[in-house]
N, C-alpha and C. Protein backbone atom coordinates (compact mmCIF):
# COMPACT_ATOMS: atom_id res chain seq x y z
N UNK A 1 103.51 48.20 86.11
CA UNK A 1 103.92 48.65 84.79
C UNK A 1 102.68 48.81 83.93
N UNK A 2 102.62 49.85 83.16
CA UNK A 2 101.45 50.17 82.38
C UNK A 2 101.62 49.71 80.93
N UNK A 3 100.49 49.35 80.31
CA UNK A 3 100.55 48.99 78.89
C UNK A 3 100.96 50.18 78.04
N UNK A 4 101.57 49.88 76.89
CA UNK A 4 101.86 50.94 75.93
C UNK A 4 100.61 51.18 75.11
N UNK A 5 100.28 52.40 74.84
CA UNK A 5 99.09 52.73 74.08
C UNK A 5 97.84 52.56 74.92
N UNK A 6 96.70 52.43 74.28
CA UNK A 6 95.44 52.19 74.98
C UNK A 6 94.52 51.40 74.09
N UNK A 7 93.36 51.08 74.59
CA UNK A 7 92.43 50.22 73.86
C UNK A 7 92.00 50.84 72.53
N UNK A 8 92.10 52.13 72.40
CA UNK A 8 91.72 52.78 71.15
C UNK A 8 92.91 52.92 70.21
N UNK A 9 94.12 52.67 70.70
CA UNK A 9 95.32 52.83 69.88
C UNK A 9 95.50 51.69 68.91
N UNK A 10 96.52 51.80 68.11
CA UNK A 10 96.79 50.78 67.10
C UNK A 10 97.51 49.58 67.66
N UNK A 11 98.41 49.78 68.61
CA UNK A 11 99.19 48.69 69.16
C UNK A 11 99.41 48.92 70.65
N UNK A 12 99.26 47.86 71.45
CA UNK A 12 99.51 47.98 72.87
C UNK A 12 99.67 46.60 73.46
N UNK A 13 100.11 46.57 74.70
CA UNK A 13 100.33 45.31 75.41
C UNK A 13 99.78 45.42 76.81
N UNK A 14 99.63 44.25 77.46
CA UNK A 14 99.28 44.21 78.87
C UNK A 14 99.67 42.86 79.45
N UNK A 15 99.68 42.80 80.76
CA UNK A 15 99.87 41.53 81.46
C UNK A 15 98.50 41.08 81.95
N UNK A 16 98.32 39.77 82.07
CA UNK A 16 97.12 39.25 82.72
C UNK A 16 97.55 38.22 83.74
N UNK A 17 96.85 38.15 84.88
CA UNK A 17 97.27 37.29 85.98
C UNK A 17 97.08 35.81 85.68
N UNK A 18 98.00 34.99 86.22
CA UNK A 18 97.89 33.55 86.10
C UNK A 18 98.74 32.90 87.18
N UNK A 19 98.15 32.68 88.34
CA UNK A 19 98.85 31.98 89.42
C UNK A 19 100.24 32.55 89.67
N UNK A 20 101.24 31.68 89.68
CA UNK A 20 102.62 32.10 89.93
C UNK A 20 103.29 32.59 88.66
N UNK A 21 102.66 32.40 87.51
CA UNK A 21 103.24 32.82 86.24
C UNK A 21 102.62 34.14 85.80
N UNK A 22 102.90 34.55 84.58
CA UNK A 22 102.35 35.81 84.09
C UNK A 22 101.88 35.66 82.65
N UNK A 23 100.74 36.24 82.36
CA UNK A 23 100.24 36.25 81.00
C UNK A 23 100.74 37.48 80.27
N UNK A 24 101.10 37.31 79.01
CA UNK A 24 101.50 38.44 78.17
C UNK A 24 100.53 38.49 77.00
N UNK A 25 100.09 39.70 76.70
CA UNK A 25 99.11 39.89 75.62
C UNK A 25 99.51 41.12 74.82
N UNK A 26 99.49 40.97 73.50
CA UNK A 26 99.79 42.09 72.63
C UNK A 26 98.71 42.27 71.59
N UNK A 27 98.39 43.54 71.29
CA UNK A 27 97.45 43.89 70.23
C UNK A 27 98.22 44.64 69.16
N UNK A 28 97.86 44.39 67.91
CA UNK A 28 98.49 45.09 66.81
C UNK A 28 97.54 45.26 65.65
N UNK A 29 97.88 46.16 64.76
CA UNK A 29 97.09 46.37 63.55
C UNK A 29 97.12 45.10 62.70
N UNK A 30 98.28 44.43 62.72
CA UNK A 30 98.43 43.19 61.98
C UNK A 30 99.03 42.13 62.90
N UNK A 31 99.17 40.93 62.40
CA UNK A 31 99.68 39.81 63.20
C UNK A 31 101.09 40.10 63.71
N UNK A 32 101.95 40.61 62.85
CA UNK A 32 103.32 40.92 63.26
C UNK A 32 103.33 41.95 64.39
N UNK A 33 102.48 42.95 64.31
CA UNK A 33 102.41 43.96 65.36
C UNK A 33 101.98 43.38 66.69
N UNK A 34 101.03 42.45 66.67
CA UNK A 34 100.60 41.79 67.91
C UNK A 34 101.74 40.98 68.52
N UNK A 35 102.54 40.31 67.69
CA UNK A 35 103.70 39.56 68.17
C UNK A 35 104.74 40.51 68.78
N UNK A 36 104.97 41.65 68.15
CA UNK A 36 105.91 42.64 68.68
C UNK A 36 105.45 43.13 70.05
N UNK A 37 104.17 43.42 70.19
CA UNK A 37 103.64 43.91 71.46
C UNK A 37 103.70 42.83 72.55
N UNK A 38 103.47 41.57 72.18
CA UNK A 38 103.59 40.48 73.16
C UNK A 38 105.03 40.39 73.67
N UNK A 39 106.00 40.60 72.80
CA UNK A 39 107.41 40.59 73.22
C UNK A 39 107.70 41.77 74.15
N UNK A 40 107.11 42.92 73.89
CA UNK A 40 107.28 44.06 74.80
C UNK A 40 106.70 43.72 76.18
N UNK A 41 105.54 43.07 76.19
CA UNK A 41 104.94 42.66 77.47
C UNK A 41 105.86 41.69 78.20
N UNK A 42 106.54 40.83 77.46
CA UNK A 42 107.50 39.89 78.06
C UNK A 42 108.63 40.66 78.76
N UNK A 43 109.24 41.61 78.07
CA UNK A 43 110.31 42.40 78.69
C UNK A 43 109.77 43.18 79.88
N UNK A 44 108.56 43.73 79.75
CA UNK A 44 107.98 44.52 80.84
C UNK A 44 107.69 43.67 82.07
N UNK A 45 107.62 42.35 81.92
CA UNK A 45 107.47 41.47 83.08
C UNK A 45 108.78 41.36 83.86
N UNK A 46 109.88 41.73 83.20
CA UNK A 46 111.21 41.65 83.82
C UNK A 46 111.65 42.99 84.39
N UNK A 47 111.41 44.06 83.64
CA UNK A 47 111.91 45.38 84.03
C UNK A 47 111.06 46.48 83.42
N UNK A 48 111.33 47.69 83.80
CA UNK A 48 110.68 48.86 83.21
C UNK A 48 111.24 49.07 81.81
N UNK A 49 110.39 49.00 80.80
CA UNK A 49 110.83 49.14 79.41
C UNK A 49 111.60 50.43 79.16
N UNK A 50 111.24 51.49 79.86
CA UNK A 50 111.88 52.79 79.67
C UNK A 50 113.38 52.74 80.02
N UNK A 51 113.78 51.76 80.82
CA UNK A 51 115.17 51.67 81.25
C UNK A 51 116.05 50.86 80.31
N UNK A 52 115.47 50.26 79.28
CA UNK A 52 116.23 49.40 78.36
C UNK A 52 116.53 50.17 77.08
N UNK A 53 117.82 50.39 76.83
CA UNK A 53 118.25 51.12 75.64
C UNK A 53 118.37 50.16 74.45
N UNK A 54 117.78 50.51 73.31
CA UNK A 54 117.86 49.65 72.12
C UNK A 54 119.18 49.85 71.37
N UNK A 55 120.29 49.43 71.98
CA UNK A 55 121.63 49.71 71.44
C UNK A 55 122.14 48.64 70.47
N UNK A 56 121.82 47.39 70.72
CA UNK A 56 122.38 46.28 69.94
C UNK A 56 121.24 45.48 69.31
N UNK A 57 121.40 45.15 68.03
CA UNK A 57 120.38 44.37 67.32
C UNK A 57 120.76 42.89 67.29
N UNK A 58 119.76 42.04 67.45
CA UNK A 58 119.92 40.59 67.37
C UNK A 58 118.84 40.07 66.44
N UNK A 59 119.20 39.15 65.55
CA UNK A 59 118.23 38.58 64.61
C UNK A 59 117.85 37.17 65.03
N UNK A 60 116.58 36.84 64.89
CA UNK A 60 116.09 35.49 65.18
C UNK A 60 115.16 35.05 64.07
N UNK A 61 115.04 33.73 63.91
CA UNK A 61 114.09 33.14 62.98
C UNK A 61 113.37 32.02 63.68
N UNK A 62 112.08 31.87 63.38
CA UNK A 62 111.26 30.82 63.98
C UNK A 62 110.39 30.20 62.90
N UNK A 63 110.06 28.94 63.12
CA UNK A 63 109.16 28.22 62.23
C UNK A 63 108.19 27.42 63.08
N UNK A 64 106.92 27.40 62.66
CA UNK A 64 105.91 26.60 63.36
C UNK A 64 104.77 26.30 62.39
N UNK A 65 104.01 25.25 62.67
CA UNK A 65 102.94 24.86 61.75
C UNK A 65 101.70 25.75 61.79
N UNK A 66 101.54 26.55 62.84
CA UNK A 66 100.40 27.47 62.90
C UNK A 66 100.80 28.72 63.69
N UNK A 67 99.95 29.74 63.63
CA UNK A 67 100.31 31.02 64.23
C UNK A 67 100.36 30.97 65.76
N UNK A 68 99.56 30.09 66.39
CA UNK A 68 99.60 29.97 67.85
C UNK A 68 100.97 29.44 68.29
N UNK A 69 101.40 28.34 67.67
CA UNK A 69 102.71 27.78 68.03
C UNK A 69 103.85 28.72 67.60
N UNK A 70 103.61 29.51 66.56
CA UNK A 70 104.62 30.48 66.14
C UNK A 70 104.81 31.54 67.23
N UNK A 71 103.74 31.95 67.90
CA UNK A 71 103.88 32.90 69.01
C UNK A 71 104.73 32.30 70.12
N UNK A 72 104.48 31.06 70.48
CA UNK A 72 105.27 30.39 71.52
C UNK A 72 106.73 30.31 71.11
N UNK A 73 106.99 29.92 69.86
CA UNK A 73 108.37 29.85 69.36
C UNK A 73 109.04 31.22 69.41
N UNK A 74 108.32 32.26 69.00
CA UNK A 74 108.83 33.63 69.00
C UNK A 74 109.22 34.07 70.41
N UNK A 75 108.29 33.93 71.34
CA UNK A 75 108.59 34.36 72.71
C UNK A 75 109.72 33.53 73.31
N UNK A 76 109.77 32.24 73.00
CA UNK A 76 110.87 31.41 73.51
C UNK A 76 112.20 31.81 72.87
N UNK A 77 112.19 32.26 71.62
CA UNK A 77 113.41 32.76 71.00
C UNK A 77 113.90 34.03 71.70
N UNK A 78 112.96 34.91 72.06
CA UNK A 78 113.32 36.13 72.79
C UNK A 78 113.89 35.75 74.17
N UNK A 79 113.24 34.83 74.86
CA UNK A 79 113.71 34.38 76.17
C UNK A 79 115.11 33.77 76.06
N UNK A 80 115.33 32.96 75.04
CA UNK A 80 116.64 32.35 74.82
C UNK A 80 117.72 33.42 74.63
N UNK A 81 117.43 34.41 73.80
CA UNK A 81 118.42 35.49 73.56
C UNK A 81 118.66 36.29 74.83
N UNK A 82 117.62 36.51 75.64
CA UNK A 82 117.80 37.19 76.92
C UNK A 82 118.79 36.41 77.80
N UNK A 83 118.61 35.10 77.84
CA UNK A 83 119.43 34.26 78.73
C UNK A 83 120.87 34.12 78.24
N UNK A 84 121.06 33.77 76.98
CA UNK A 84 122.43 33.48 76.52
C UNK A 84 123.26 34.74 76.31
N UNK A 85 122.62 35.83 75.94
CA UNK A 85 123.35 37.08 75.73
C UNK A 85 123.35 37.97 76.96
N UNK A 86 122.56 37.57 77.99
CA UNK A 86 122.39 38.39 79.20
C UNK A 86 121.95 39.80 78.82
N UNK A 87 120.89 39.84 78.00
CA UNK A 87 120.37 41.10 77.48
C UNK A 87 118.89 41.24 77.79
N UNK A 88 118.44 42.49 77.73
CA UNK A 88 117.02 42.82 77.75
C UNK A 88 116.73 43.57 76.46
N UNK A 89 115.51 43.42 75.95
CA UNK A 89 115.16 44.04 74.67
C UNK A 89 113.94 44.94 74.83
N UNK A 90 114.00 46.10 74.16
CA UNK A 90 112.91 47.08 74.28
C UNK A 90 112.32 47.51 72.94
N UNK A 91 112.81 46.90 71.87
CA UNK A 91 112.28 47.22 70.54
C UNK A 91 112.31 45.94 69.72
N UNK A 92 111.23 45.71 68.96
CA UNK A 92 111.10 44.48 68.18
C UNK A 92 110.53 44.80 66.81
N UNK A 93 111.01 44.08 65.80
CA UNK A 93 110.45 44.18 64.45
C UNK A 93 110.26 42.75 63.95
N UNK A 94 109.05 42.44 63.51
CA UNK A 94 108.70 41.08 63.11
C UNK A 94 108.11 41.11 61.70
N UNK A 95 108.49 40.11 60.91
CA UNK A 95 107.79 39.83 59.65
C UNK A 95 107.38 38.37 59.70
N UNK A 96 106.17 38.11 59.24
CA UNK A 96 105.63 36.75 59.26
C UNK A 96 105.16 36.41 57.86
N UNK A 97 105.60 35.23 57.41
CA UNK A 97 105.19 34.71 56.10
C UNK A 97 104.77 33.26 56.31
N UNK A 98 103.47 33.04 56.44
CA UNK A 98 102.98 31.70 56.73
C UNK A 98 103.49 31.26 58.09
N UNK A 99 104.19 30.14 58.13
CA UNK A 99 104.73 29.62 59.38
C UNK A 99 106.15 30.05 59.66
N UNK A 100 106.64 31.06 58.93
CA UNK A 100 108.00 31.56 59.11
C UNK A 100 107.98 32.95 59.72
N UNK A 101 108.79 33.16 60.74
CA UNK A 101 108.92 34.47 61.38
C UNK A 101 110.38 34.88 61.35
N UNK A 102 110.61 36.11 60.95
CA UNK A 102 111.94 36.73 61.04
C UNK A 102 111.80 37.92 61.98
N UNK A 103 112.63 37.96 62.99
CA UNK A 103 112.53 39.03 63.97
C UNK A 103 113.86 39.69 64.24
N UNK A 104 113.78 40.95 64.58
CA UNK A 104 114.95 41.70 65.01
C UNK A 104 114.62 42.28 66.37
N UNK A 105 115.53 42.09 67.32
CA UNK A 105 115.37 42.57 68.69
C UNK A 105 116.47 43.60 68.94
N UNK A 106 116.12 44.69 69.58
CA UNK A 106 117.12 45.69 69.97
C UNK A 106 117.11 45.81 71.48
N UNK A 107 118.30 45.82 72.05
CA UNK A 107 118.40 45.94 73.50
C UNK A 107 119.81 46.17 73.96
N UNK A 108 120.03 45.84 75.22
CA UNK A 108 121.34 46.04 75.84
C UNK A 108 121.58 44.97 76.89
N UNK A 109 122.84 44.86 77.31
CA UNK A 109 123.19 43.92 78.38
C UNK A 109 122.52 44.35 79.68
N UNK A 110 122.18 43.35 80.47
CA UNK A 110 121.51 43.62 81.74
C UNK A 110 122.45 44.36 82.68
N UNK A 111 121.97 45.43 83.25
CA UNK A 111 122.64 46.18 84.32
C UNK A 111 121.73 46.02 85.54
N UNK A 112 122.12 45.13 86.45
CA UNK A 112 121.25 44.79 87.58
C UNK A 112 120.85 46.02 88.42
N UNK A 113 121.74 46.96 88.57
CA UNK A 113 121.40 48.15 89.37
C UNK A 113 120.38 49.03 88.66
N UNK A 114 120.53 49.20 87.37
CA UNK A 114 119.62 50.08 86.63
C UNK A 114 118.32 49.36 86.24
N UNK A 115 118.41 48.13 85.79
CA UNK A 115 117.23 47.41 85.31
C UNK A 115 116.41 46.76 86.43
N UNK A 116 117.08 46.41 87.53
CA UNK A 116 116.41 45.76 88.66
C UNK A 116 115.44 44.68 88.20
N UNK A 117 115.96 43.61 87.58
CA UNK A 117 115.07 42.56 87.06
C UNK A 117 114.17 42.00 88.15
N UNK A 118 112.88 41.92 87.86
CA UNK A 118 111.88 41.44 88.82
C UNK A 118 111.62 39.96 88.67
N UNK A 119 111.92 39.40 87.51
CA UNK A 119 111.66 37.99 87.25
C UNK A 119 112.58 37.51 86.14
N UNK A 120 112.72 36.20 86.06
CA UNK A 120 113.47 35.60 84.95
C UNK A 120 112.52 34.68 84.19
N UNK A 121 112.13 35.06 82.99
CA UNK A 121 111.24 34.20 82.23
C UNK A 121 111.95 32.90 81.84
N UNK A 122 111.24 31.79 82.02
CA UNK A 122 111.82 30.48 81.71
C UNK A 122 111.30 29.94 80.39
N UNK A 123 110.06 30.27 80.04
CA UNK A 123 109.54 29.79 78.78
C UNK A 123 108.08 30.17 78.57
N UNK A 124 107.74 30.38 77.30
CA UNK A 124 106.35 30.60 76.92
C UNK A 124 105.65 29.25 76.91
N UNK A 125 104.39 29.22 77.33
CA UNK A 125 103.65 27.97 77.44
C UNK A 125 102.43 27.97 76.52
N UNK A 126 101.76 26.83 76.48
CA UNK A 126 100.53 26.71 75.69
C UNK A 126 99.31 27.17 76.48
N UNK A 127 99.51 27.51 77.75
CA UNK A 127 98.41 27.94 78.61
C UNK A 127 97.88 29.30 78.14
N UNK A 128 96.56 29.38 78.01
CA UNK A 128 95.85 30.60 77.57
C UNK A 128 96.35 31.09 76.21
N UNK A 129 96.89 30.19 75.41
CA UNK A 129 97.41 30.54 74.09
C UNK A 129 96.26 30.92 73.17
N UNK A 130 96.37 32.12 72.59
CA UNK A 130 95.33 32.63 71.71
C UNK A 130 95.95 33.64 70.75
N UNK A 131 95.82 33.38 69.46
CA UNK A 131 96.26 34.30 68.42
C UNK A 131 95.11 34.38 67.42
N UNK A 132 94.54 35.59 67.28
CA UNK A 132 93.40 35.70 66.39
C UNK A 132 93.21 37.12 65.89
N UNK A 133 92.54 37.19 64.75
CA UNK A 133 92.12 38.47 64.21
C UNK A 133 90.82 38.86 64.90
N UNK A 134 90.72 40.12 65.28
CA UNK A 134 89.54 40.60 65.99
C UNK A 134 88.48 41.09 65.02
N UNK A 135 87.22 40.88 65.36
CA UNK A 135 86.11 41.30 64.50
C UNK A 135 86.14 42.80 64.24
N UNK A 136 86.56 43.58 65.25
CA UNK A 136 86.61 45.04 65.12
C UNK A 136 87.89 45.53 64.43
N UNK A 137 88.73 44.60 64.02
CA UNK A 137 89.98 44.94 63.34
C UNK A 137 91.17 44.74 64.25
N UNK A 138 92.30 44.45 63.67
CA UNK A 138 93.51 44.22 64.44
C UNK A 138 93.64 42.76 64.87
N UNK A 139 94.71 42.50 65.60
CA UNK A 139 95.04 41.15 66.06
C UNK A 139 95.39 41.17 67.53
N UNK A 140 95.19 40.02 68.19
CA UNK A 140 95.62 39.82 69.56
C UNK A 140 96.46 38.55 69.59
N UNK A 141 97.53 38.56 70.41
CA UNK A 141 98.40 37.40 70.58
C UNK A 141 98.74 37.30 72.05
N UNK A 142 98.46 36.15 72.67
CA UNK A 142 98.69 36.02 74.10
C UNK A 142 99.06 34.59 74.49
N UNK A 143 99.75 34.47 75.61
CA UNK A 143 99.99 33.19 76.27
C UNK A 143 100.54 33.46 77.66
N UNK A 144 100.66 32.40 78.44
CA UNK A 144 101.25 32.51 79.78
C UNK A 144 102.72 32.17 79.67
N UNK A 145 103.54 32.94 80.38
CA UNK A 145 104.99 32.73 80.43
C UNK A 145 105.36 32.23 81.81
N UNK A 146 106.12 31.15 81.86
CA UNK A 146 106.61 30.60 83.11
C UNK A 146 107.75 31.48 83.61
N UNK A 147 107.61 32.02 84.82
CA UNK A 147 108.65 32.87 85.42
C UNK A 147 109.15 32.28 86.71
């Protein structure tokens, strides 16, 4: 699966290798954009993003004492919604105010024949956790997800 955008673009995501698990990394113009791209990388670890229709919206809220733990809480909220609603998400909108995150996820129920899930994410971890503003502009948000 290929990242969305490219290194010169405003927002993009990629996976990075980590043993039996998978790293998710998102870049954005701002912190919220990097979190949105990290969530896209999470879904892309499960299925081809192009196959997920953004039909139904789900709202989530997260709180954490710092932006690194907020990323973990955010990705775990997405994983939770995937599991309990049996959905995949292909569009995300995030607003962040200090340690508060409000997110909206758009997706659809899993269709095993069409989506062909490759993995089931169990949780975002503190491994390789990094959320920072880049010297050249923009933000990066990453961590390893247990699959």
